[in-house]
Amino acid sequence: MINKLNNIQKNLMIRHMNNSDVLAYNRDFLSRPTNSNFNVLDAFKGTEKEYARLEVAVKNNDCVMGDDCSMETAILSRLKAAPQLFIDFMANVAGELQITETPNFDPNCNQITQ
């Protein structure tokens, strides 16, 4: 019986978390540092080697994904754009979290109340 009750409670919590964005604006969570290391820069790990490999393949016309190197060129374009997209994403996250600093922020309605 305890396992069934525990399972129901966990399922209800998961459902609540999926239906709510309140956790993103939890002042208690944001007010103190966490031990978590999210390693956001690890998203770029290894891309420098892939970029160099593709760049050399295109320059030497030694492409394996297509005769005209169109696939390699498309991947290179995405890799070139990735750092700016990441910067824009982080700025967006910072902007979203900044709203929690307003004195009348209500996480339940996600609006600033007057």
PDB file of N, CA and C in Angstrom:
ATOM      1  N   MET A   1       0.824  -1.203   0.000  1.00  0.00           N
ATOM      2  CA  MET A   1       0.000   0.000   0.000  1.00  0.00           C
ATOM      3  C   MET A   1       0.862   1.258   0.000  1.00  0.00           C
ATOM      4  N   ILE A   2       1.966   1.219   0.748  1.00  0.00           N
ATOM      5  CA  ILE A   2       2.831   2.393   0.812  1.00  0.00           C
ATOM      6  C   ILE A   2       3.453   2.677  -0.548  1.00  0.00           C
ATOM      7  N   ASN A   3       3.880   1.633  -1.262  1.00  0.00           N
ATOM      8  CA  ASN A   3       4.470   1.831  -2.582  1.00  0.00           C
ATOM      9  C   ASN A   3       3.480   2.445  -3.560  1.00  0.00           C
ATOM     10  N   LYS A   4       2.224   2.000  -3.482  1.00  0.00           N
ATOM     11  CA  LYS A   4       1.200   2.542  -4.367  1.00  0.00           C
ATOM     12  C   LYS A   4       0.957   4.016  -4.050  1.00  0.00           C
ATOM     13  N   LEU A   5       0.879   4.347  -2.773  1.00  0.00           N
ATOM     14  CA  LEU A   5       0.681   5.739  -2.362  1.00  0.00           C
ATOM     15  C   LEU A   5       1.876   6.598  -2.759  1.00  0.00           C
ATOM     16  N   ASN A   6       3.075   6.084  -2.554  1.00  0.00           N
ATOM     17  CA  ASN A   6       4.290   6.790  -2.937  1.00  0.00           C
ATOM     18  C   ASN A   6       4.312   7.026  -4.447  1.00  0.00           C
ATOM     19  N   ASN A   7       3.911   6.024  -5.209  1.00  0.00           N
ATOM     20  CA  ASN A   7       3.863   6.141  -6.659  1.00  0.00           C
ATOM     21  C   ASN A   7       2.851   7.198  -7.092  1.00  0.00           C
ATOM     22  N   ILE A   8       1.699   7.216  -6.469  1.00  0.00           N
ATOM     23  CA  ILE A   8       0.669   8.212  -6.792  1.00  0.00           C
ATOM     24  C   ILE A   8       1.182   9.615  -6.483  1.00  0.00           C
ATOM     25  N   GLN A   9       1.845   9.787  -5.341  1.00  0.00           N
ATOM     26  CA  GLN A   9       2.383  11.104  -4.986  1.00  0.00           C
ATOM     27  C   GLN A   9       3.437  11.557  -5.983  1.00  0.00           C
ATOM     28  N   LYS A  10       4.325  10.664  -6.377  1.00  0.00           N
ATOM     29  CA  LYS A  10       5.352  11.021  -7.364  1.00  0.00           C
ATOM     30  C   LYS A  10       4.729  11.366  -8.707  1.00  0.00           C
ATOM     31  N   ASN A  11       3.741  10.600  -9.130  1.00  0.00           N
ATOM     32  CA  ASN A  11       3.069  10.884 -10.400  1.00  0.00           C
ATOM     33  C   ASN A  11       2.356  12.233 -10.367  1.00  0.00           C
ATOM     34  N   LEU A  12       1.727  12.547  -9.232  1.00  0.00           N
ATOM     35  CA  LEU A  12       1.068  13.845  -9.098  1.00  0.00           C
ATOM     36  C   LEU A  12       2.078  14.985  -9.143  1.00  0.00           C
ATOM     37  N   MET A  13       3.231  14.781  -8.517  1.00  0.00           N
ATOM     38  CA  MET A  13       4.270  15.812  -8.546  1.00  0.00           C
ATOM     39  C   MET A  13       4.790  16.008  -9.970  1.00  0.00           C
ATOM     40  N   ILE A  14       5.020  14.922 -10.681  1.00  0.00           N
ATOM     41  CA  ILE A  14       5.486  15.024 -12.068  1.00  0.00           C
ATOM     42  C   ILE A  14       4.444  15.734 -12.926  1.00  0.00           C
ATOM     43  N   ARG A  15       3.186  15.384 -12.746  1.00  0.00           N
ATOM     44  CA  ARG A  15       2.127  16.037 -13.509  1.00  0.00           C
ATOM     45  C   ARG A  15       2.080  17.532 -13.203  1.00  0.00           C
ATOM     46  N   HIS A  16       2.216  17.870 -11.927  1.00  0.00           N
ATOM     47  CA  HIS A  16       2.207  19.277 -11.520  1.00  0.00           C
ATOM     48  C   HIS A  16       3.394  20.014 -12.135  1.00  0.00           C
ATOM     49  N   MET A  17       4.561  19.403 -12.125  1.00  0.00           N
ATOM     50  CA  MET A  17       5.747  20.036 -12.697  1.00  0.00           C
ATOM     51  C   MET A  17       5.599  20.231 -14.198  1.00  0.00           C
ATOM     52  N   ASN A  18       5.020  19.261 -14.886  1.00  0.00           N
ATOM     53  CA  ASN A  18       4.830  19.375 -16.331  1.00  0.00           C
ATOM     54  C   ASN A  18       3.827  20.456 -16.699  1.00  0.00           C
ATOM     55  N   ASN A  19       2.865  20.698 -15.833  1.00  0.00           N
ATOM     56  CA  ASN A  19       1.819  21.682 -16.122  1.00  0.00           C
ATOM     57  C   ASN A  19       2.125  23.060 -15.564  1.00  0.00           C
ATOM     58  N   SER A  20       3.279  23.256 -14.973  1.00  0.00           N
ATOM     59  CA  SER A  20       3.577  24.509 -14.307  1.00  0.00           C
ATOM     60  C   SER A  20       4.960  25.007 -14.684  1.00  0.00           C
ATOM     61  N   ASP A  21       5.091  26.319 -14.782  1.00  0.00           N
ATOM     62  CA  ASP A  21       6.413  26.894 -14.993  1.00  0.00           C
ATOM     63  C   ASP A  21       6.901  27.597 -13.729  1.00  0.00           C
ATOM     64  N   VAL A  22       6.227  27.379 -12.632  1.00  0.00           N
ATOM     65  CA  VAL A  22       6.562  28.043 -11.378  1.00  0.00           C
ATOM     66  C   VAL A  22       7.974  27.681 -10.922  1.00  0.00           C
ATOM     67  N   LEU A  23       8.406  26.458 -11.165  1.00  0.00           N
ATOM     68  CA  LEU A  23       9.723  26.048 -10.697  1.00  0.00           C
ATOM     69  C   LEU A  23      10.837  26.895 -11.296  1.00  0.00           C
ATOM     70  N   ALA A  24      10.624  27.406 -12.487  1.00  0.00           N
ATOM     71  CA  ALA A  24      11.652  28.240 -13.117  1.00  0.00           C
ATOM     72  C   ALA A  24      11.803  29.562 -12.391  1.00  0.00           C
ATOM     73  N   TYR A  25      10.804  29.961 -11.646  1.00  0.00           N
ATOM     74  CA  TYR A  25      10.831  31.255 -10.972  1.00  0.00           C
ATOM     75  C   TYR A  25      10.792  31.112  -9.452  1.00  0.00           C
ATOM     76  N   ASN A  26      11.236  30.012  -8.929  1.00  0.00           N
ATOM     77  CA  ASN A  26      11.231  29.784  -7.496  1.00  0.00           C
ATOM     78  C   ASN A  26      12.333  30.628  -6.860  1.00  0.00           C
ATOM     79  N   ARG A  27      11.949  31.653  -6.133  1.00  0.00           N
ATOM     80  CA  ARG A  27      12.928  32.569  -5.537  1.00  0.00           C
ATOM     81  C   ARG A  27      13.897  31.860  -4.608  1.00  0.00           C
ATOM     82  N   ASP A  28      13.413  30.906  -3.840  1.00  0.00           N
ATOM     83  CA  ASP A  28      14.290  30.179  -2.921  1.00  0.00           C
ATOM     84  C   ASP A  28      15.379  29.436  -3.681  1.00  0.00           C
ATOM     85  N   PHE A  29      15.002  28.811  -4.782  1.00  0.00           N
ATOM     86  CA  PHE A  29      15.974  28.079  -5.584  1.00  0.00           C
ATOM     87  C   PHE A  29      16.985  29.025  -6.215  1.00  0.00           C
ATOM     88  N   LEU A  30      16.506  30.151  -6.724  1.00  0.00           N
ATOM     89  CA  LEU A  30      17.387  31.098  -7.414  1.00  0.00           C
ATOM     90  C   LEU A  30      18.224  31.935  -6.458  1.00  0.00           C
ATOM     91  N   SER A  31      17.816  32.028  -5.206  1.00  0.00           N
ATOM     92  CA  SER A  31      18.506  32.919  -4.280  1.00  0.00           C
ATOM     93  C   SER A  31      19.809  32.339  -3.725  1.00  0.00           C
ATOM     94  N   ARG A  32      20.029  31.058  -3.894  1.00  0.00           N
ATOM     95  CA  ARG A  32      21.259  30.467  -3.351  1.00  0.00           C
ATOM     96  C   ARG A  32      21.964  29.648  -4.439  1.00  0.00           C
ATOM     97  N   PRO A  33      23.264  29.566  -4.342  1.00  0.00           N
ATOM     98  CA  PRO A  33      24.005  28.777  -5.327  1.00  0.00           C
ATOM     99  C   PRO A  33      23.692  27.291  -5.187  1.00  0.00           C
ATOM    100  N   THR A  34      23.822  26.586  -6.261  1.00  0.00           N
ATOM    101  CA  THR A  34      23.601  25.144  -6.234  1.00  0.00           C
ATOM    102  C   THR A  34      24.926  24.430  -6.434  1.00  0.00           C
ATOM    103  N   ASN A  35      24.960  23.174  -6.058  1.00  0.00           N
ATOM    104  CA  ASN A  35      26.156  22.371  -6.287  1.00  0.00           C
ATOM    105  C   ASN A  35      26.186  21.854  -7.715  1.00  0.00           C
ATOM    106  N   SER A  36      25.103  22.021  -8.430  1.00  0.00           N
ATOM    107  CA  SER A  36      24.997  21.467  -9.772  1.00  0.00           C
ATOM    108  C   SER A  36      25.899  22.221 -10.732  1.00  0.00           C
ATOM    109  N   ASN A  37      26.606  21.462 -11.509  1.00  0.00           N
ATOM    110  CA  ASN A  37      27.401  22.038 -12.572  1.00  0.00           C
ATOM    111  C   ASN A  37      26.747  21.591 -13.872  1.00  0.00           C
ATOM    112  N   PHE A  38      26.075  22.506 -14.522  1.00  0.00           N
ATOM    113  CA  PHE A  38      25.299  22.149 -15.701  1.00  0.00           C
ATOM    114  C   PHE A  38      26.163  21.995 -16.946  1.00  0.00           C
ATOM    115  N   ASN A  39      27.426  22.411 -16.873  1.00  0.00           N
ATOM    116  CA  ASN A  39      28.366  22.237 -17.981  1.00  0.00           C
ATOM    117  C   ASN A  39      27.777  22.673 -19.320  1.00  0.00           C
ATOM    118  N   VAL A  40      27.208  23.856 -19.353  1.00  0.00           N
ATOM    119  CA  VAL A  40      26.566  24.310 -20.586  1.00  0.00           C
ATOM    120  C   VAL A  40      27.560  24.451 -21.728  1.00  0.00           C
ATOM    121  N   LEU A  41      28.810  24.728 -21.411  1.00  0.00           N
ATOM    122  CA  LEU A  41      29.803  24.866 -22.476  1.00  0.00           C
ATOM    123  C   LEU A  41      30.226  23.519 -23.052  1.00  0.00           C
ATOM    124  N   ASP A  42      29.891  22.443 -22.367  1.00  0.00           N
ATOM    125  CA  ASP A  42      30.199  21.118 -22.908  1.00  0.00           C
ATOM    126  C   ASP A  42      29.423  20.836 -24.187  1.00  0.00           C
ATOM    127  N   ALA A  43      28.399  21.621 -24.457  1.00  0.00           N
ATOM    128  CA  ALA A  43      27.646  21.459 -25.698  1.00  0.00           C
ATOM    129  C   ALA A  43      28.546  21.667 -26.915  1.00  0.00           C
ATOM    130  N   PHE A  44      29.629  22.423 -26.735  1.00  0.00           N
ATOM    131  CA  PHE A  44      30.531  22.713 -27.850  1.00  0.00           C
ATOM    132  C   PHE A  44      31.745  21.791 -27.868  1.00  0.00           C
ATOM    133  N   LYS A  45      31.841  20.891 -26.923  1.00  0.00           N
ATOM    134  CA  LYS A  45      33.009  20.015 -26.830  1.00  0.00           C
ATOM    135  C   LYS A  45      33.115  19.147 -28.089  1.00  0.00           C
ATOM    136  N   GLY A  46      34.270  19.174 -28.709  1.00  0.00           N
ATOM    137  CA  GLY A  46      34.505  18.356 -29.897  1.00  0.00           C
ATOM    138  C   GLY A  46      34.119  19.017 -31.198  1.00  0.00           C
ATOM    139  N   THR A  47      33.393  20.131 -31.124  1.00  0.00           N
ATOM    140  CA  THR A  47      32.961  20.767 -32.374  1.00  0.00           C
ATOM    141  C   THR A  47      34.126  21.392 -33.133  1.00  0.00           C
ATOM    142  N   GLU A  48      35.181  21.778 -32.419  1.00  0.00           N
ATOM    143  CA  GLU A  48      36.326  22.378 -33.109  1.00  0.00           C
ATOM    144  C   GLU A  48      36.986  21.369 -34.036  1.00  0.00           C
ATOM    145  N   LYS A  49      37.052  20.110 -33.627  1.00  0.00           N
ATOM    146  CA  LYS A  49      37.636  19.059 -34.473  1.00  0.00           C
ATOM    147  C   LYS A  49      36.736  18.772 -35.668  1.00  0.00           C
ATOM    148  N   GLU A  50      35.446  18.720 -35.408  1.00  0.00           N
ATOM    149  CA  GLU A  50      34.489  18.480 -36.500  1.00  0.00           C
ATOM    150  C   GLU A  50      34.529  19.636 -37.498  1.00  0.00           C
ATOM    151  N   TYR A  51      34.585  20.852 -36.981  1.00  0.00           N
ATOM    152  CA  TYR A  51      34.658  22.029 -37.850  1.00  0.00           C
ATOM    153  C   TYR A  51      35.921  21.971 -38.722  1.00  0.00           C
ATOM    154  N   ALA A  52      37.057  21.673 -38.103  1.00  0.00           N
ATOM    155  CA  ALA A  52      38.314  21.609 -38.848  1.00  0.00           C
ATOM    156  C   ALA A  52      38.268  20.502 -39.896  1.00  0.00           C
ATOM    157  N   ARG A  53      37.725  19.351 -39.535  1.00  0.00           N
ATOM    158  CA  ARG A  53      37.629  18.239 -40.488  1.00  0.00           C
ATOM    159  C   ARG A  53      36.771  18.609 -41.692  1.00  0.00           C
ATOM    160  N   LEU A  54      35.622  19.239 -41.422  1.00  0.00           N
ATOM    161  CA  LEU A  54      34.731  19.632 -42.509  1.00  0.00           C
ATOM    162  C   LEU A  54      35.345  20.739 -43.374  1.00  0.00           C
ATOM    163  N   GLU A  55      36.012  21.674 -42.733  1.00  0.00           N
ATOM    164  CA  GLU A  55      36.643  22.773 -43.470  1.00  0.00           C
ATOM    165  C   GLU A  55      37.707  22.240 -44.429  1.00  0.00           C
ATOM    166  N   VAL A  56      38.522  21.316 -43.941  1.00  0.00           N
ATOM    167  CA  VAL A  56      39.560  20.711 -44.793  1.00  0.00           C
ATOM    168  C   VAL A  56      38.922  19.903 -45.917  1.00  0.00           C
ATOM    169  N   ALA A  57      37.866  19.168 -45.611  1.00  0.00           N
ATOM    170  CA  ALA A  57      37.190  18.360 -46.634  1.00  0.00           C
ATOM    171  C   ALA A  57      36.628  19.239 -47.744  1.00  0.00           C
ATOM    172  N   VAL A  58      36.029  20.353 -47.367  1.00  0.00           N
ATOM    173  CA  VAL A  58      35.462  21.259 -48.375  1.00  0.00           C
ATOM    174  C   VAL A  58      36.575  21.899 -49.201  1.00  0.00           C
ATOM    175  N   LYS A  59      37.656  22.350 -48.548  1.00  0.00           N
ATOM    176  CA  LYS A  59      38.761  22.984 -49.272  1.00  0.00           C
ATOM    177  C   LYS A  59      39.437  22.020 -50.242  1.00  0.00           C
ATOM    178  N   ASN A  60      39.552  20.757 -49.847  1.00  0.00           N
ATOM    179  CA  ASN A  60      40.205  19.761 -50.700  1.00  0.00           C
ATOM    180  C   ASN A  60      39.221  19.051 -51.630  1.00  0.00           C
ATOM    181  N   ASN A  61      37.964  19.450 -51.590  1.00  0.00           N
ATOM    182  CA  ASN A  61      36.901  18.820 -52.378  1.00  0.00           C
ATOM    183  C   ASN A  61      36.886  17.309 -52.140  1.00  0.00           C
ATOM    184  N   ASP A  62      37.023  16.941 -50.887  1.00  0.00           N
ATOM    185  CA  ASP A  62      37.079  15.543 -50.482  1.00  0.00           C
ATOM    186  C   ASP A  62      35.881  15.219 -49.583  1.00  0.00           C
ATOM    187  N   CYS A  63      34.707  15.588 -50.044  1.00  0.00           N
ATOM    188  CA  CYS A  63      33.494  15.442 -49.240  1.00  0.00           C
ATOM    189  C   CYS A  63      32.932  14.035 -49.377  1.00  0.00           C
ATOM    190  N   VAL A  64      32.428  13.502 -48.274  1.00  0.00           N
ATOM    191  CA  VAL A  64      31.860  12.159 -48.280  1.00  0.00           C
ATOM    192  C   VAL A  64      30.331  12.172 -48.217  1.00  0.00           C
ATOM    193  N   MET A  65      29.740  13.287 -47.848  1.00  0.00           N
ATOM    194  CA  MET A  65      28.286  13.330 -47.693  1.00  0.00           C
ATOM    195  C   MET A  65      27.576  13.748 -48.975  1.00  0.00           C
ATOM    196  N   GLY A  66      28.309  14.213 -49.923  1.00  0.00           N
ATOM    197  CA  GLY A  66      27.701  14.626 -51.189  1.00  0.00           C
ATOM    198  C   GLY A  66      28.784  15.038 -52.166  1.00  0.00           C
ATOM    199  N   ASP A  67      28.489  14.912 -53.453  1.00  0.00           N
ATOM    200  CA  ASP A  67      29.489  15.233 -54.473  1.00  0.00           C
ATOM    201  C   ASP A  67      29.832  16.716 -54.496  1.00  0.00           C
ATOM    202  N   ASP A  68      28.853  17.556 -54.187  1.00  0.00           N
ATOM    203  CA  ASP A  68      29.083  19.000 -54.276  1.00  0.00           C
ATOM    204  C   ASP A  68      29.396  19.644 -52.918  1.00  0.00           C
ATOM    205  N   CYS A  69      29.636  18.848 -51.912  1.00  0.00           N
ATOM    206  CA  CYS A  69      29.952  19.313 -50.550  1.00  0.00           C
ATOM    207  C   CYS A  69      28.840  20.148 -49.926  1.00  0.00           C
ATOM    208  N   SER A  70      27.634  20.020 -50.430  1.00  0.00           N
ATOM    209  CA  SER A  70      26.531  20.827 -49.893  1.00  0.00           C
ATOM    210  C   SER A  70      26.196  20.455 -48.452  1.00  0.00           C
ATOM    211  N   MET A  71      26.277  19.177 -48.108  1.00  0.00           N
ATOM    212  CA  MET A  71      25.980  18.753 -46.734  1.00  0.00           C
ATOM    213  C   MET A  71      27.039  19.287 -45.782  1.00  0.00           C
ATOM    214  N   GLU A  72      28.299  19.167 -46.183  1.00  0.00           N
ATOM    215  CA  GLU A  72      29.388  19.662 -45.340  1.00  0.00           C
ATOM    216  C   GLU A  72      29.298  21.175 -45.159  1.00  0.00           C
ATOM    217  N   THR A  73      28.966  21.863 -46.231  1.00  0.00           N
ATOM    218  CA  THR A  73      28.829  23.321 -46.170  1.00  0.00           C
ATOM    219  C   THR A  73      27.674  23.714 -45.251  1.00  0.00           C
ATOM    220  N   ALA A  74      26.580  22.979 -45.309  1.00  0.00           N
ATOM    221  CA  ALA A  74      25.434  23.268 -44.438  1.00  0.00           C
ATOM    222  C   ALA A  74      25.797  23.042 -42.971  1.00  0.00           C
ATOM    223  N   ILE A  75      26.531  21.975 -42.693  1.00  0.00           N
ATOM    224  CA  ILE A  75      26.945  21.704 -41.312  1.00  0.00           C
ATOM    225  C   ILE A  75      27.906  22.780 -40.836  1.00  0.00           C
ATOM    226  N   LEU A  76      28.830  23.198 -41.705  1.00  0.00           N
ATOM    227  CA  LEU A  76      29.750  24.286 -41.353  1.00  0.00           C
ATOM    228  C   LEU A  76      28.993  25.565 -41.030  1.00  0.00           C
ATOM    229  N   SER A  77      27.965  25.860 -41.804  1.00  0.00           N
ATOM    230  CA  SER A  77      27.159  27.061 -41.542  1.00  0.00           C
ATOM    231  C   SER A  77      26.490  26.984 -40.183  1.00  0.00           C
ATOM    232  N   ARG A  78      25.962  25.801 -39.834  1.00  0.00           N
ATOM    233  CA  ARG A  78      25.334  25.633 -38.521  1.00  0.00           C
ATOM    234  C   ARG A  78      26.366  25.780 -37.404  1.00  0.00           C
ATOM    235  N   LEU A  79      27.553  25.211 -37.609  1.00  0.00           N
ATOM    236  CA  LEU A  79      28.596  25.323 -36.589  1.00  0.00           C
ATOM    237  C   LEU A  79      29.057  26.767 -36.417  1.00  0.00           C
ATOM    238  N   LYS A  80      29.116  27.514 -37.508  1.00  0.00           N
ATOM    239  CA  LYS A  80      29.517  28.926 -37.423  1.00  0.00           C
ATOM    240  C   LYS A  80      28.468  29.750 -36.681  1.00  0.00           C
ATOM    241  N   ALA A  81      27.202  29.398 -36.865  1.00  0.00           N
ATOM    242  CA  ALA A  81      26.119  30.158 -36.236  1.00  0.00           C
ATOM    243  C   ALA A  81      25.894  29.770 -34.774  1.00  0.00           C
ATOM    244  N   ALA A  82      26.365  28.605 -34.360  1.00  0.00           N
ATOM    245  CA  ALA A  82      26.070  28.082 -33.019  1.00  0.00           C
ATOM    246  C   ALA A  82      26.503  28.999 -31.880  1.00  0.00           C
ATOM    247  N   PRO A  83      27.707  29.578 -31.891  1.00  0.00           N
ATOM    248  CA  PRO A  83      28.080  30.429 -30.749  1.00  0.00           C
ATOM    249  C   PRO A  83      27.152  31.622 -30.554  1.00  0.00           C
ATOM    250  N   GLN A  84      26.751  32.285 -31.642  1.00  0.00           N
ATOM    251  CA  GLN A  84      25.848  33.426 -31.503  1.00  0.00           C
ATOM    252  C   GLN A  84      24.472  32.980 -31.035  1.00  0.00           C
ATOM    253  N   LEU A  85      24.005  31.854 -31.525  1.00  0.00           N
ATOM    254  CA  LEU A  85      22.721  31.320 -31.059  1.00  0.00           C
ATOM    255  C   LEU A  85      22.774  31.001 -29.566  1.00  0.00           C
ATOM    256  N   PHE A  86      23.899  30.468 -29.114  1.00  0.00           N
ATOM    257  CA  PHE A  86      24.072  30.164 -27.695  1.00  0.00           C
ATOM    258  C   PHE A  86      24.067  31.440 -26.862  1.00  0.00           C
ATOM    259  N   ILE A  87      24.775  32.462 -27.338  1.00  0.00           N
ATOM    260  CA  ILE A  87      24.805  33.751 -26.628  1.00  0.00           C
ATOM    261  C   ILE A  87      23.395  34.336 -26.547  1.00  0.00           C
ATOM    262  N   ASP A  88      22.658  34.278 -27.658  1.00  0.00           N
ATOM    263  CA  ASP A  88      21.286  34.788 -27.664  1.00  0.00           C
ATOM    264  C   ASP A  88      20.399  34.003 -26.696  1.00  0.00           C
ATOM    265  N   PHE A  89      20.577  32.686 -26.663  1.00  0.00           N
ATOM    266  CA  PHE A  89      19.796  31.850 -25.759  1.00  0.00           C
ATOM    267  C   PHE A  89      20.080  32.207 -24.302  1.00  0.00           C
ATOM    268  N   MET A  90      21.359  32.343 -23.961  1.00  0.00           N
ATOM    269  CA  MET A  90      21.718  32.670 -22.577  1.00  0.00           C
ATOM    270  C   MET A  90      21.206  34.061 -22.186  1.00  0.00           C
ATOM    271  N   ALA A  91      21.233  35.000 -23.124  1.00  0.00           N
ATOM    272  CA  ALA A  91      20.691  36.333 -22.845  1.00  0.00           C
ATOM    273  C   ALA A  91      19.187  36.249 -22.606  1.00  0.00           C
ATOM    274  N   ASN A  92      18.514  35.403 -23.361  1.00  0.00           N
ATOM    275  CA  ASN A  92      17.076  35.221 -23.185  1.00  0.00           C
ATOM    276  C   ASN A  92      16.780  34.613 -21.813  1.00  0.00           C
ATOM    277  N   VAL A  93      17.546  33.604 -21.421  1.00  0.00           N
ATOM    278  CA  VAL A  93      17.359  32.987 -20.102  1.00  0.00           C
ATOM    279  C   VAL A  93      17.596  34.019 -19.001  1.00  0.00           C
ATOM    280  N   ALA A  94      18.679  34.789 -19.136  1.00  0.00           N
ATOM    281  CA  ALA A  94      18.976  35.814 -18.130  1.00  0.00           C
ATOM    282  C   ALA A  94      17.846  36.838 -18.048  1.00  0.00           C
ATOM    283  N   GLY A  95      17.289  37.216 -19.197  1.00  0.00           N
ATOM    284  CA  GLY A  95      16.169  38.159 -19.205  1.00  0.00           C
ATOM    285  C   GLY A  95      14.937  37.593 -18.534  1.00  0.00           C
ATOM    286  N   GLU A  96      14.676  36.310 -18.759  1.00  0.00           N
ATOM    287  CA  GLU A  96      13.527  35.663 -18.127  1.00  0.00           C
ATOM    288  C   GLU A  96      13.709  35.591 -16.612  1.00  0.00           C
ATOM    289  N   LEU A  97      14.916  35.284 -16.182  1.00  0.00           N
ATOM    290  CA  LEU A  97      15.155  35.168 -14.741  1.00  0.00           C
ATOM    291  C   LEU A  97      15.202  36.529 -14.064  1.00  0.00           C
ATOM    292  N   GLN A  98      15.552  37.559 -14.820  1.00  0.00           N
ATOM    293  CA  GLN A  98      15.649  38.898 -14.246  1.00  0.00           C
ATOM    294  C   GLN A  98      14.294  39.385 -13.728  1.00  0.00           C
ATOM    295  N   ILE A  99      13.217  38.922 -14.340  1.00  0.00           N
ATOM    296  CA  ILE A  99      11.881  39.351 -13.920  1.00  0.00           C
ATOM    297  C   ILE A  99      11.609  38.952 -12.473  1.00  0.00           C
ATOM    298  N   THR A 100      12.277  37.906 -11.997  1.00  0.00           N
ATOM    299  CA  THR A 100      12.034  37.465 -10.621  1.00  0.00           C
ATOM    300  C   THR A 100      12.560  38.463  -9.604  1.00  0.00           C
ATOM    301  N   GLU A 101      13.376  39.406 -10.025  1.00  0.00           N
ATOM    302  CA  GLU A 101      13.913  40.420  -9.117  1.00  0.00           C
ATOM    303  C   GLU A 101      12.936  41.566  -8.875  1.00  0.00           C
ATOM    304  N   THR A 102      11.882  41.645  -9.679  1.00  0.00           N
ATOM    305  CA  THR A 102      10.921  42.727  -9.485  1.00  0.00           C
ATOM    306  C   THR A 102      10.169  42.506  -8.178  1.00  0.00           C
ATOM    307  N   PRO A 103       9.853  43.567  -7.451  1.00  0.00           N
ATOM    308  CA  PRO A 103       9.281  43.410  -6.109  1.00  0.00           C
ATOM    309  C   PRO A 103       7.901  42.761  -6.084  1.00  0.00           C
ATOM    310  N   ASN A 104       7.121  42.906  -7.131  1.00  0.00           N
ATOM    311  CA  ASN A 104       5.764  42.379  -7.117  1.00  0.00           C
ATOM    312  C   ASN A 104       5.600  41.163  -8.021  1.00  0.00           C
ATOM    313  N   PHE A 105       6.652  40.437  -8.239  1.00  0.00           N
ATOM    314  CA  PHE A 105       6.571  39.266  -9.117  1.00  0.00           C
ATOM    315  C   PHE A 105       5.739  38.169  -8.468  1.00  0.00           C
ATOM    316  N   ASP A 106       4.794  37.633  -9.221  1.00  0.00           N
ATOM    317  CA  ASP A 106       3.931  36.557  -8.726  1.00  0.00           C
ATOM    318  C   ASP A 106       4.188  35.322  -9.596  1.00  0.00           C
ATOM    319  N   PRO A 107       4.873  34.312  -9.090  1.00  0.00           N
ATOM    320  CA  PRO A 107       5.185  33.142  -9.916  1.00  0.00           C
ATOM    321  C   PRO A 107       3.956  32.344 -10.315  1.00  0.00           C
ATOM    322  N   ASN A 108       2.848  32.559  -9.635  1.00  0.00           N
ATOM    323  CA  ASN A 108       1.637  31.804  -9.971  1.00  0.00           C
ATOM    324  C   ASN A 108       0.948  32.301 -11.232  1.00  0.00           C
ATOM    325  N   CYS A 109       1.109  33.566 -11.554  1.00  0.00           N
ATOM    326  CA  CYS A 109       0.465  34.065 -12.768  1.00  0.00           C
ATOM    327  C   CYS A 109       1.472  34.548 -13.792  1.00  0.00           C
ATOM    328  N   ASN A 110       2.770  34.509 -13.465  1.00  0.00           N
ATOM    329  CA  ASN A 110       3.827  34.834 -14.401  1.00  0.00           C
ATOM    330  C   ASN A 110       3.667  36.241 -14.972  1.00  0.00           C
ATOM    331  N   GLN A 111       3.197  37.161 -14.188  1.00  0.00           N
ATOM    332  CA  GLN A 111       3.049  38.554 -14.591  1.00  0.00           C
ATOM    333  C   GLN A 111       3.467  39.429 -13.425  1.00  0.00           C
ATOM    334  N   ILE A 112       3.830  40.657 -13.744  1.00  0.00           N
ATOM    335  CA  ILE A 112       4.130  41.614 -12.681  1.00  0.00           C
ATOM    336  C   ILE A 112       2.827  42.261 -12.247  1.00  0.00           C
ATOM    337  N   THR A 113       2.562  42.216 -10.956  1.00  0.00           N
ATOM    338  CA  THR A 113       1.336  42.831 -10.451  1.00  0.00           C
ATOM    339  C   THR A 113       1.666  44.225  -9.938  1.00  0.00           C
ATOM    340  N   GLN A 114       0.710  45.109 -10.046  1.00  0.00           N
ATOM    341  CA  GLN A 114       0.905  46.495  -9.623  1.00  0.00           C
ATOM    342  C   GLN A 114       0.337  46.710  -8.251  1.00  0.00           C
TER     343      GLN A 114
END
